[in-house]
C-alpha atoms as a PDB file:
ATOM      1  CA  MET A   1      -7.646   9.535 -13.231  1.00  0.00           C
ATOM      2  CA  ALA A   2      -4.537   8.783 -15.283  1.00  0.00           C
ATOM      3  CA  SER A   3      -3.045  11.141 -17.838  1.00  0.00           C
ATOM      4  CA  THR A   4      -4.149  10.955 -21.463  1.00  0.00           C
ATOM      5  CA  GLY A   5      -0.692   9.763 -22.532  1.00  0.00           C
ATOM      6  CA  HIS A   6      -0.801   6.938 -20.003  1.00  0.00           C
ATOM      7  CA  LEU A   7      -4.290   5.943 -21.153  1.00  0.00           C
ATOM      8  CA  VAL A   8      -3.266   5.899 -24.831  1.00  0.00           C
ATOM      9  CA  LYS A   9      -0.211   3.797 -23.981  1.00  0.00           C
ATOM     10  CA  ARG A  10      -2.373   1.354 -21.986  1.00  0.00           C
ATOM     11  CA  PHE A  11      -4.870   1.116 -24.867  1.00  0.00           C
ATOM     12  CA  VAL A  12      -2.190   0.235 -27.417  1.00  0.00           C
ATOM     13  CA  PHE A  13      -0.570  -2.193 -24.939  1.00  0.00           C
ATOM     14  CA  SER A  14      -3.945  -3.898 -24.391  1.00  0.00           C
ATOM     15  CA  LEU A  15      -4.467  -4.682 -28.072  1.00  0.00           C
ATOM     16  CA  ARG A  16      -1.822  -7.414 -27.981  1.00  0.00           C
ATOM     17  CA  PRO A  17      -3.368 -10.679 -26.761  1.00  0.00           C
ATOM     18  CA  GLY A  18      -1.869 -12.957 -24.149  1.00  0.00           C
ATOM     19  CA  GLY A  19      -0.588 -12.658 -20.638  1.00  0.00           C
ATOM     20  CA  PRO A  20       2.884 -12.320 -19.155  1.00  0.00           C
ATOM     21  CA  SER A  21       5.760 -14.593 -20.127  1.00  0.00           C
ATOM     22  CA  ALA A  22       6.199 -18.007 -18.508  1.00  0.00           C
ATOM     23  CA  THR A  23       9.166 -16.639 -16.551  1.00  0.00           C
ATOM     24  CA  ASP A  24       7.133 -13.699 -15.260  1.00  0.00           C
ATOM     25  CA  THR A  25       4.190 -15.963 -14.451  1.00  0.00           C
ATOM     26  CA  GLU A  26       6.418 -18.246 -12.366  1.00  0.00           C
ATOM     27  CA  TRP A  27       7.761 -15.219 -10.450  1.00  0.00           C
ATOM     28  CA  ILE A  28       4.241 -13.794 -10.030  1.00  0.00           C
ATOM     29  CA  LEU A  29       2.882 -16.999  -8.523  1.00  0.00           C
ATOM     30  CA  GLN A  30       5.627 -16.804  -5.893  1.00  0.00           C
ATOM     31  CA  GLN A  31       4.392 -13.324  -4.900  1.00  0.00           C
ATOM     32  CA  LEU A  32       0.728 -14.240  -4.436  1.00  0.00           C
ATOM     33  CA  LEU A  33      -1.043 -16.032  -1.624  1.00  0.00           C
ATOM     34  CA  PRO A  34      -2.797 -19.250  -2.667  1.00  0.00           C
ATOM     35  CA  SER A  35      -6.144 -17.447  -2.216  1.00  0.00           C
ATOM     36  CA  GLU A  36      -4.992 -14.635  -4.543  1.00  0.00           C
ATOM     37  CA  VAL A  37      -3.985 -16.914  -7.434  1.00  0.00           C
ATOM     38  CA  PRO A  38      -7.582 -17.548  -8.651  1.00  0.00           C
ATOM     39  CA  LEU A  39      -8.202 -13.780  -8.537  1.00  0.00           C
ATOM     40  CA  TRP A  40      -5.080 -13.193 -10.624  1.00  0.00           C
ATOM     41  CA  ALA A  41      -6.260 -15.826 -13.106  1.00  0.00           C
ATOM     42  CA  ARG A  42      -9.558 -13.935 -13.604  1.00  0.00           C
ATOM     43  CA  MET A  43      -7.710 -10.907 -14.959  1.00  0.00           C
ATOM     44  CA  SER A  44      -7.360 -10.526 -18.726  1.00  0.00           C
ATOM     45  CA  GLY A  45      -4.049 -11.244 -20.417  1.00  0.00           C
ATOM     46  CA  PRO A  46      -3.319  -7.556 -21.056  1.00  0.00           C
ATOM     47  CA  ASP A  47      -4.218  -6.696 -17.438  1.00  0.00           C
ATOM     48  CA  ARG A  48      -1.889  -9.433 -16.168  1.00  0.00           C
ATOM     49  CA  ARG A  49       0.911  -8.156 -18.444  1.00  0.00           C
ATOM     50  CA  HIS A  50       0.368  -4.592 -17.199  1.00  0.00           C
ATOM     51  CA  ALA A  51       0.339  -5.732 -13.580  1.00  0.00           C
ATOM     52  CA  ALA A  52       3.510  -7.793 -14.051  1.00  0.00           C
ATOM     53  CA  ALA A  53       5.285  -4.767 -15.531  1.00  0.00           C
ATOM     54  CA  VAL A  54       4.092  -2.611 -12.624  1.00  0.00           C
ATOM     55  CA  ALA A  55       5.307  -5.171 -10.075  1.00  0.00           C
ATOM     56  CA  ARG A  56       8.720  -5.485 -11.741  1.00  0.00           C
ATOM     57  CA  ARG A  57       9.117  -1.677 -11.692  1.00  0.00           C
ATOM     58  CA  VAL A  58       8.115  -1.597  -8.016  1.00  0.00           C
ATOM     59  CA  GLU A  59      10.638  -4.343  -7.270  1.00  0.00           C
ATOM     60  CA  ARG A  60      13.414  -2.330  -8.959  1.00  0.00           C
ATOM     61  CA  ALA A  61      12.386   0.900  -7.214  1.00  0.00           C
ATOM     62  CA  LEU A  62      12.066  -0.503  -3.695  1.00  0.00           C
ATOM     63  CA  GLY A  63      14.643  -3.289  -3.651  1.00  0.00           C
ATOM     64  CA  VAL A  64      14.447  -5.184  -0.354  1.00  0.00           C
ATOM     65  CA  GLU A  65      11.400  -3.150   0.683  1.00  0.00           C
ATOM     66  CA  ALA A  66       9.433  -4.734  -2.167  1.00  0.00           C
ATOM     67  CA  THR A  67       7.859  -7.255   0.172  1.00  0.00           C
ATOM     68  CA  ARG A  68       5.344  -9.883  -0.906  1.00  0.00           C
ATOM     69  CA  PRO A  69       2.327  -7.713   0.130  1.00  0.00           C
ATOM     70  CA  VAL A  70       3.728  -4.728  -1.812  1.00  0.00           C
ATOM     71  CA  LEU A  71       4.318  -6.823  -4.924  1.00  0.00           C
ATOM     72  CA  ALA A  72       0.857  -8.394  -4.567  1.00  0.00           C
ATOM     73  CA  ALA A  73      -0.548  -4.844  -4.379  1.00  0.00           C
ATOM     74  CA  ALA A  74       1.199  -4.015  -7.653  1.00  0.00           C
ATOM     75  CA  LEU A  75      -0.027  -7.240  -9.242  1.00  0.00           C
ATOM     76  CA  LEU A  76      -3.650  -7.009  -8.076  1.00  0.00           C
ATOM     77  CA  HIS A  77      -4.379  -3.261  -7.898  1.00  0.00           C
ATOM     78  CA  ASP A  78      -6.686  -3.409 -10.947  1.00  0.00           C
ATOM     79  CA  LEU A  79      -8.398  -6.677 -10.001  1.00  0.00           C
ATOM     80  CA  GLY A  80     -11.775  -4.966  -9.604  1.00  0.00           C
ATOM     81  CA  LYS A  81     -11.916  -4.324 -13.355  1.00  0.00           C
ATOM     82  CA  THR A  82     -12.863  -7.992 -13.771  1.00  0.00           C
ATOM     83  CA  GLU A  83     -16.241  -7.254 -12.171  1.00  0.00           C
ATOM     84  CA  SER A  84     -17.317  -5.050 -15.071  1.00  0.00           C
ATOM     85  CA  ALA A  85     -16.649  -7.747 -17.701  1.00  0.00           C
ATOM     86  CA  LEU A  86     -15.684  -4.966 -20.124  1.00  0.00           C
ATOM     87  CA  ARG A  87     -13.141  -5.627 -22.836  1.00  0.00           C
ATOM     88  CA  THR A  88     -10.741  -3.079 -24.298  1.00  0.00           C
ATOM     89  CA  TYR A  89     -13.225  -1.000 -26.298  1.00  0.00           C
ATOM     90  CA  GLY A  90     -15.804  -1.057 -23.501  1.00  0.00           C
ATOM     91  CA  ARG A  91     -13.122   0.220 -21.160  1.00  0.00           C
ATOM     92  CA  VAL A  92     -12.397   3.074 -23.542  1.00  0.00           C
ATOM     93  CA  VAL A  93     -16.097   3.987 -23.414  1.00  0.00           C
ATOM     94  CA  ALA A  94     -16.061   3.699 -19.614  1.00  0.00           C
ATOM     95  CA  THR A  95     -12.972   5.880 -19.269  1.00  0.00           C
ATOM     96  CA  LEU A  96     -14.367   8.557 -21.574  1.00  0.00           C
ATOM     97  CA  SER A  97     -17.726   8.393 -19.767  1.00  0.00           C
ATOM     98  CA  ALA A  98     -15.981   8.885 -16.432  1.00  0.00           C
ATOM     99  CA  LYS A  99     -14.096  11.903 -17.747  1.00  0.00           C
ATOM    100  CA  LEU A 100     -17.265  13.438 -19.199  1.00  0.00           C
ATOM    101  CA  ALA A 101     -19.806  12.598 -16.485  1.00  0.00           C
ATOM    102  CA  GLY A 102     -17.547  12.678 -13.456  1.00  0.00           C
ATOM    103  CA  PRO A 103     -17.078  10.113 -10.724  1.00  0.00           C
ATOM    104  CA  GLU A 104     -20.507  10.735  -9.179  1.00  0.00           C
ATOM    105  CA  ALA A 105     -22.163   9.097 -12.188  1.00  0.00           C
ATOM    106  CA  ALA A 106     -20.603   5.722 -11.318  1.00  0.00           C
ATOM    107  CA  THR A 107     -22.878   5.244  -8.314  1.00  0.00           C
ATOM    108  CA  ILE A 108     -25.989   5.859 -10.403  1.00  0.00           C
ATOM    109  CA  TRP A 109     -24.789   3.731 -13.298  1.00  0.00           C
ATOM    110  CA  ARG A 110     -23.939   0.763 -11.044  1.00  0.00           C
ATOM    111  CA  GLN A 111     -27.649   0.556 -10.193  1.00  0.00           C
ATOM    112  CA  GLN A 112     -28.660   0.316 -13.859  1.00  0.00           C
ATOM    113  CA  ARG A 113     -28.647  -2.629 -16.257  1.00  0.00           C
ATOM    114  CA  GLY A 114     -26.542  -3.447 -19.275  1.00  0.00           C
ATOM    115  CA  ILE A 115     -23.638  -1.298 -20.400  1.00  0.00           C
ATOM    116  CA  ALA A 116     -24.424   1.505 -17.932  1.00  0.00           C
ATOM    117  CA  ARG A 117     -24.017  -0.949 -15.043  1.00  0.00           C
ATOM    118  CA  LYS A 118     -20.767  -2.289 -16.494  1.00  0.00           C
ATOM    119  CA  VAL A 119     -19.400   1.244 -16.843  1.00  0.00           C
ATOM    120  CA  GLY A 120     -20.398   2.014 -13.253  1.00  0.00           C
ATOM    121  CA  LEU A 121     -18.683  -1.148 -12.019  1.00  0.00           C
ATOM    122  CA  TYR A 122     -15.570  -0.312 -14.016  1.00  0.00           C
ATOM    123  CA  MET A 123     -15.493   3.166 -12.509  1.00  0.00           C
ATOM    124  CA  HIS A 124     -15.592   1.601  -9.023  1.00  0.00           C
ATOM    125  CA  HIS A 125     -12.946  -1.037  -9.740  1.00  0.00           C
ATOM    126  CA  ASP A 126     -10.727   0.222  -6.937  1.00  0.00           C
ATOM    127  CA  ARG A 127     -13.363  -0.433  -4.256  1.00  0.00           C
ATOM    128  CA  LEU A 128     -14.493  -3.697  -5.819  1.00  0.00           C
ATOM    129  CA  GLY A 129     -10.922  -4.981  -6.064  1.00  0.00           C
ATOM    130  CA  GLY A 130     -10.262  -4.093  -2.450  1.00  0.00           C
ATOM    131  CA  ASP A 131     -13.371  -5.995  -1.397  1.00  0.00           C
ATOM    132  CA  LEU A 132     -12.356  -9.071  -3.405  1.00  0.00           C
ATOM    133  CA  LEU A 133      -8.879  -9.012  -1.889  1.00  0.00           C
ATOM    134  CA  GLU A 134     -10.228  -8.551   1.621  1.00  0.00           C
ATOM    135  CA  MET A 135     -12.535 -11.562   1.155  1.00  0.00           C
ATOM    136  CA  ALA A 136      -9.548 -13.568  -0.103  1.00  0.00           C
ATOM    137  CA  GLY A 137      -7.612 -12.807   3.089  1.00  0.00           C
ATOM    138  CA  SER A 138      -4.979 -10.629   1.412  1.00  0.00           C
ATOM    139  CA  ASP A 139      -2.584  -8.579   3.478  1.00  0.00           C
ATOM    140  CA  PRO A 140      -4.078  -5.233   4.596  1.00  0.00           C
ATOM    141  CA  LEU A 141      -1.438  -3.350   2.548  1.00  0.00           C
ATOM    142  CA  THR A 142      -2.511  -5.172  -0.632  1.00  0.00           C
ATOM    143  CA  VAL A 143      -6.196  -4.475   0.077  1.00  0.00           C
ATOM    144  CA  THR A 144      -5.559  -0.830   0.925  1.00  0.00           C
ATOM    145  CA  TRP A 145      -3.598  -0.086  -2.243  1.00  0.00           C
ATOM    146  CA  ALA A 146      -6.313  -1.634  -4.423  1.00  0.00           C
ATOM    147  CA  ARG A 147      -8.852   0.635  -2.727  1.00  0.00           C
ATOM    148  CA  GLU A 148      -6.726   3.793  -2.685  1.00  0.00           C
ATOM    149  CA  HIS A 149      -4.753   3.724  -5.938  1.00  0.00           C
ATOM    150  CA  HIS A 150      -7.092   6.167  -7.711  1.00  0.00           C
ATOM    151  CA  GLN A 151      -7.636   8.441  -4.729  1.00  0.00           C
ATOM    152  CA  ASP A 152      -5.912  11.761  -4.299  1.00  0.00           C
ATOM    153  CA  GLU A 153      -2.417  11.348  -2.870  1.00  0.00           C
ATOM    154  CA  SER A 154      -3.403  13.347   0.218  1.00  0.00           C
ATOM    155  CA  SER A 155      -5.829  10.592   1.260  1.00  0.00           C
ATOM    156  CA  TRP A 156      -3.430   7.636   0.942  1.00  0.00           C
ATOM    157  CA  THR A 157      -2.885   5.817   4.218  1.00  0.00           C
ATOM    158  CA  LEU A 158       0.131   3.652   3.374  1.00  0.00           C
ATOM    159  CA  ALA A 159       3.770   4.627   3.845  1.00  0.00           C
ATOM    160  CA  PRO A 160       4.554   7.495   1.439  1.00  0.00           C
ATOM    161  CA  HIS A 161       7.628   5.857  -0.121  1.00  0.00           C
ATOM    162  CA  ILE A 162       5.631   2.676  -0.831  1.00  0.00           C
ATOM    163  CA  THR A 163       2.702   4.531  -2.400  1.00  0.00           C
ATOM    164  CA  ALA A 164       5.077   6.726  -4.400  1.00  0.00           C
ATOM    165  CA  ALA A 165       6.760   3.647  -5.872  1.00  0.00           C
ATOM    166  CA  LEU A 166       3.437   1.935  -6.612  1.00  0.00           C
ATOM    167  CA  LYS A 167       1.945   5.034  -8.243  1.00  0.00           C
ATOM    168  CA  ALA A 168       5.049   5.806 -10.295  1.00  0.00           C
ATOM    169  CA  ALA A 169       5.241   2.215 -11.509  1.00  0.00           C
ATOM    170  CA  ASP A 170       1.572   2.220 -12.530  1.00  0.00           C
ATOM    171  CA  ASP A 171       1.795   5.533 -14.385  1.00  0.00           C
ATOM    172  CA  ASP A 172       4.986   4.620 -16.233  1.00  0.00           C
END
């Protein structure tokens, strides 16, 4: 789970409506497979802005090693959040619930109805995003990062310098 400072920064950032700039959007569409574009479009404006900023930081950090699958991983790592259909304040509730109840609660909550289900889905956004990307035919690196980006660093399976750049860019 991200630091409190990072979460506060993300909350404030998410209050501004709208997605990334036209220039960023043009660049983003060049990084995504045609099957990933509709998934990208499902993300909220603030999520797309966050993802674009993450991808740009990854591009600066990795240079020529920022391949299309790596940049797609940066752009789509939070895709699974769309499955919860929670907006900003619902996400705050979900994040606080996760901190208070622990990750085990997500499995129980996903089986419920209403807000409890949405919170459970939100708490499993990494797995859900990975599944969506896998079904879309995304590169295995892109799928793996979506699934692993909230796991402990010791369980990451991608190249350490790639995961370090992705994680640092997301926590900036």
